Amino acid sequence: MALNTQVRFSDAELEEFRELINKKIEKAKHDLELIKSAYLNTGTNGTDDTSPQFKSFEEGSATMSKEANSALAIRQEKFIRDLTNAITRINNKTYGVCRVTGKLINPERLKLVPHATLSIEAKNMQS
């Protein structure tokens, strides 16, 4: 059994990851816009005067909905930032190298979590 002495992914492999990540960034930005528009549109929809007995419930629900949307937007913005940082690592040719072990992260893991900076081995050490 040969030892994996590869220190980084090839330029061709990095380009494949770049394409994958760019698609994810595009989708994530689109999803963020949907979250933001939902946040801006969580109003009364003109039903203020039609059901006053439910008004306090709706206000509570609207507040909770805005908080949930805000939390979603923050998570989505972080995800976009993480993906953008992954593109920077591709540009620096350090993408896919575990920041703890210095070994290459399994390509299958990177396809699922393209912004990963830890190998499963390193992640398990943290637990």
C-alpha atoms as a PDB file:
ATOM      1  CA  MET A   1       0.000   0.000   0.000  1.00  0.00           C
ATOM      2  CA  ALA A   2       1.534   3.273  -1.131  1.00  0.00           C
ATOM      3  CA  LEU A   3       1.524   6.222   1.223  1.00  0.00           C
ATOM      4  CA  ASN A   4      -0.293   9.307   0.033  1.00  0.00           C
ATOM      5  CA  THR A   5       2.535  11.800  -0.360  1.00  0.00           C
ATOM      6  CA  GLN A   6       0.442  14.326  -2.265  1.00  0.00           C
ATOM      7  CA  VAL A   7       0.795  17.667  -0.498  1.00  0.00           C
ATOM      8  CA  ARG A   8      -1.879  19.561  -2.404  1.00  0.00           C
ATOM      9  CA  PHE A   9      -4.537  19.049  -5.023  1.00  0.00           C
ATOM     10  CA  SER A  10      -3.546  19.462  -8.668  1.00  0.00           C
ATOM     11  CA  ASP A  11      -4.523  22.617 -10.535  1.00  0.00           C
ATOM     12  CA  ALA A  12      -7.143  20.611 -12.464  1.00  0.00           C
ATOM     13  CA  GLU A  13      -8.629  19.288  -9.206  1.00  0.00           C
ATOM     14  CA  LEU A  14      -8.633  22.803  -7.749  1.00  0.00           C
ATOM     15  CA  GLU A  15     -10.513  24.076 -10.814  1.00  0.00           C
ATOM     16  CA  GLU A  16     -13.177  21.381 -10.314  1.00  0.00           C
ATOM     17  CA  PHE A  17     -13.596  22.508  -6.704  1.00  0.00           C
ATOM     18  CA  ARG A  18     -13.701  26.163  -7.835  1.00  0.00           C
ATOM     19  CA  GLU A  19     -16.612  25.372 -10.178  1.00  0.00           C
ATOM     20  CA  LEU A  20     -18.457  23.479  -7.443  1.00  0.00           C
ATOM     21  CA  ILE A  21     -17.931  26.282  -4.907  1.00  0.00           C
ATOM     22  CA  ASN A  22     -18.879  29.056  -7.338  1.00  0.00           C
ATOM     23  CA  LYS A  23     -22.186  27.253  -8.029  1.00  0.00           C
ATOM     24  CA  LYS A  24     -22.775  26.948  -4.275  1.00  0.00           C
ATOM     25  CA  ILE A  25     -21.979  30.655  -3.761  1.00  0.00           C
ATOM     26  CA  GLU A  26     -24.434  31.591  -6.513  1.00  0.00           C
ATOM     27  CA  LYS A  27     -27.184  29.446  -4.974  1.00  0.00           C
ATOM     28  CA  ALA A  28     -26.390  30.672  -1.448  1.00  0.00           C
ATOM     29  CA  LYS A  29     -26.626  34.314  -2.566  1.00  0.00           C
ATOM     30  CA  HIS A  30     -29.952  33.576  -4.260  1.00  0.00           C
ATOM     31  CA  ASP A  31     -31.218  31.875  -1.071  1.00  0.00           C
ATOM     32  CA  LEU A  32     -30.036  34.851   0.999  1.00  0.00           C
ATOM     33  CA  GLU A  33     -32.042  37.200  -1.224  1.00  0.00           C
ATOM     34  CA  LEU A  34     -35.132  35.020  -0.676  1.00  0.00           C
ATOM     35  CA  ILE A  35     -34.583  35.110   3.097  1.00  0.00           C
ATOM     36  CA  LYS A  36     -34.128  38.889   3.034  1.00  0.00           C
ATOM     37  CA  SER A  37     -37.246  39.442   0.926  1.00  0.00           C
ATOM     38  CA  ALA A  38     -39.251  37.168   3.243  1.00  0.00           C
ATOM     39  CA  TYR A  39     -37.928  39.197   6.183  1.00  0.00           C
ATOM     40  CA  LEU A  40     -38.982  42.463   4.579  1.00  0.00           C
ATOM     41  CA  ASN A  41     -42.419  41.100   3.658  1.00  0.00           C
ATOM     42  CA  THR A  42     -43.362  39.615   7.034  1.00  0.00           C
ATOM     43  CA  GLY A  43     -46.026  42.172   7.677  1.00  0.00           C
ATOM     44  CA  THR A  44     -49.718  42.057   8.308  1.00  0.00           C
ATOM     45  CA  ASN A  45     -50.697  41.544   4.658  1.00  0.00           C
ATOM     46  CA  GLY A  46     -53.522  44.041   5.192  1.00  0.00           C
ATOM     47  CA  THR A  47     -55.475  41.885   7.659  1.00  0.00           C
ATOM     48  CA  ASP A  48     -55.090  44.195  10.673  1.00  0.00           C
ATOM     49  CA  ASP A  49     -58.744  45.107  10.898  1.00  0.00           C
ATOM     50  CA  THR A  50     -60.294  41.774   9.945  1.00  0.00           C
ATOM     51  CA  SER A  51     -59.398  39.655  12.964  1.00  0.00           C
ATOM     52  CA  PRO A  52     -58.567  41.770  16.020  1.00  0.00           C
ATOM     53  CA  GLN A  53     -58.865  38.809  18.417  1.00  0.00           C
ATOM     54  CA  PHE A  54     -55.758  37.235  16.854  1.00  0.00           C
ATOM     55  CA  LYS A  55     -53.748  40.449  16.661  1.00  0.00           C
ATOM     56  CA  SER A  56     -51.486  39.784  19.663  1.00  0.00           C
ATOM     57  CA  PHE A  57     -50.820  36.232  18.518  1.00  0.00           C
ATOM     58  CA  GLU A  58     -49.928  37.481  15.034  1.00  0.00           C
ATOM     59  CA  GLU A  59     -47.594  40.136  16.452  1.00  0.00           C
ATOM     60  CA  GLY A  60     -45.783  37.481  18.480  1.00  0.00           C
ATOM     61  CA  SER A  61     -45.641  35.224  15.463  1.00  0.00           C
ATOM     62  CA  ALA A  62     -44.340  38.026  13.248  1.00  0.00           C
ATOM     63  CA  THR A  63     -41.625  38.839  15.807  1.00  0.00           C
ATOM     64  CA  MET A  64     -40.598  35.190  16.022  1.00  0.00           C
ATOM     65  CA  SER A  65     -40.642  34.920  12.243  1.00  0.00           C
ATOM     66  CA  LYS A  66     -38.430  38.004  11.880  1.00  0.00           C
ATOM     67  CA  GLU A  67     -36.003  36.594  14.475  1.00  0.00           C
ATOM     68  CA  ALA A  68     -35.920  33.234  12.683  1.00  0.00           C
ATOM     69  CA  ASN A  69     -35.373  34.947   9.324  1.00  0.00           C
ATOM     70  CA  SER A  70     -32.655  37.119  10.807  1.00  0.00           C
ATOM     71  CA  ALA A  71     -30.874  34.053  12.234  1.00  0.00           C
ATOM     72  CA  LEU A  72     -31.203  32.299   8.862  1.00  0.00           C
ATOM     73  CA  ALA A  73     -29.786  35.336   7.059  1.00  0.00           C
ATOM     74  CA  ILE A  74     -26.813  35.488   9.453  1.00  0.00           C
ATOM     75  CA  ARG A  75     -26.087  31.774   8.931  1.00  0.00           C
ATOM     76  CA  GLN A  76     -26.399  32.183   5.167  1.00  0.00           C
ATOM     77  CA  GLU A  77     -24.021  35.166   5.158  1.00  0.00           C
ATOM     78  CA  LYS A  78     -21.483  33.130   7.163  1.00  0.00           C
ATOM     79  CA  PHE A  79     -21.855  30.222   4.697  1.00  0.00           C
ATOM     80  CA  ILE A  80     -21.172  32.593   1.758  1.00  0.00           C
ATOM     81  CA  ARG A  81     -18.137  34.015   3.610  1.00  0.00           C
ATOM     82  CA  ASP A  82     -16.824  30.475   4.281  1.00  0.00           C
ATOM     83  CA  LEU A  83     -17.260  29.550   0.611  1.00  0.00           C
ATOM     84  CA  THR A  84     -15.530  32.772  -0.487  1.00  0.00           C
ATOM     85  CA  ASN A  85     -12.638  31.952   1.851  1.00  0.00           C
ATOM     86  CA  ALA A  86     -12.438  28.519   0.209  1.00  0.00           C
ATOM     87  CA  ILE A  87     -12.021  30.264  -3.182  1.00  0.00           C
ATOM     88  CA  THR A  88      -9.149  32.272  -1.649  1.00  0.00           C
ATOM     89  CA  ARG A  89      -7.520  29.004  -0.519  1.00  0.00           C
ATOM     90  CA  ILE A  90      -7.926  27.639  -4.066  1.00  0.00           C
ATOM     91  CA  ASN A  91      -6.198  30.764  -5.402  1.00  0.00           C
ATOM     92  CA  ASN A  92      -3.395  30.238  -2.861  1.00  0.00           C
ATOM     93  CA  LYS A  93      -3.278  26.514  -3.732  1.00  0.00           C
ATOM     94  CA  THR A  94      -3.803  25.635  -0.058  1.00  0.00           C
ATOM     95  CA  TYR A  95      -7.379  24.422  -0.550  1.00  0.00           C
ATOM     96  CA  GLY A  96      -8.176  21.002   0.855  1.00  0.00           C
ATOM     97  CA  VAL A  97      -5.220  20.874   3.240  1.00  0.00           C
ATOM     98  CA  CYS A  98      -6.268  20.194   6.838  1.00  0.00           C
ATOM     99  CA  ARG A  99      -5.242  23.115   9.054  1.00  0.00           C
ATOM    100  CA  VAL A 100      -4.477  20.734  11.941  1.00  0.00           C
ATOM    101  CA  THR A 101      -2.837  17.667  10.391  1.00  0.00           C
ATOM    102  CA  GLY A 102      -1.479  19.264   7.206  1.00  0.00           C
ATOM    103  CA  LYS A 103      -2.805  16.278   5.249  1.00  0.00           C
ATOM    104  CA  LEU A 104      -5.170  16.440   2.303  1.00  0.00           C
ATOM    105  CA  ILE A 105      -8.851  16.382   3.228  1.00  0.00           C
ATOM    106  CA  ASN A 106     -10.755  13.539   1.583  1.00  0.00           C
ATOM    107  CA  PRO A 107     -12.151  14.834  -1.750  1.00  0.00           C
ATOM    108  CA  GLU A 108     -15.531  13.198  -0.993  1.00  0.00           C
ATOM    109  CA  ARG A 109     -15.745  15.259   2.211  1.00  0.00           C
ATOM    110  CA  LEU A 110     -14.900  18.416   0.259  1.00  0.00           C
ATOM    111  CA  LYS A 111     -17.650  17.687  -2.265  1.00  0.00           C
ATOM    112  CA  LEU A 112     -20.149  17.537   0.614  1.00  0.00           C
ATOM    113  CA  VAL A 113     -18.618  20.344   2.706  1.00  0.00           C
ATOM    114  CA  PRO A 114     -16.555  22.381   0.220  1.00  0.00           C
ATOM    115  CA  HIS A 115     -15.575  24.979   2.826  1.00  0.00           C
ATOM    116  CA  ALA A 116     -14.130  22.381   5.226  1.00  0.00           C
ATOM    117  CA  THR A 117     -10.732  23.211   6.693  1.00  0.00           C
ATOM    118  CA  LEU A 118     -10.433  20.109   8.872  1.00  0.00           C
ATOM    119  CA  SER A 119     -10.060  16.468   7.935  1.00  0.00           C
ATOM    120  CA  ILE A 120     -12.359  13.974   9.642  1.00  0.00           C
ATOM    121  CA  GLU A 121      -9.317  12.862  11.672  1.00  0.00           C
ATOM    122  CA  ALA A 122      -8.762  16.399  12.999  1.00  0.00           C
ATOM    123  CA  LYS A 123     -12.492  16.936  13.561  1.00  0.00           C
ATOM    124  CA  ASN A 124     -12.666  13.749  15.634  1.00  0.00           C
ATOM    125  CA  MET A 125      -9.676  14.918  17.718  1.00  0.00           C
ATOM    126  CA  GLN A 126     -11.700  17.993  18.719  1.00  0.00           C
ATOM    127  CA  SER A 127     -14.608  15.951  20.059  1.00  0.00           C
END
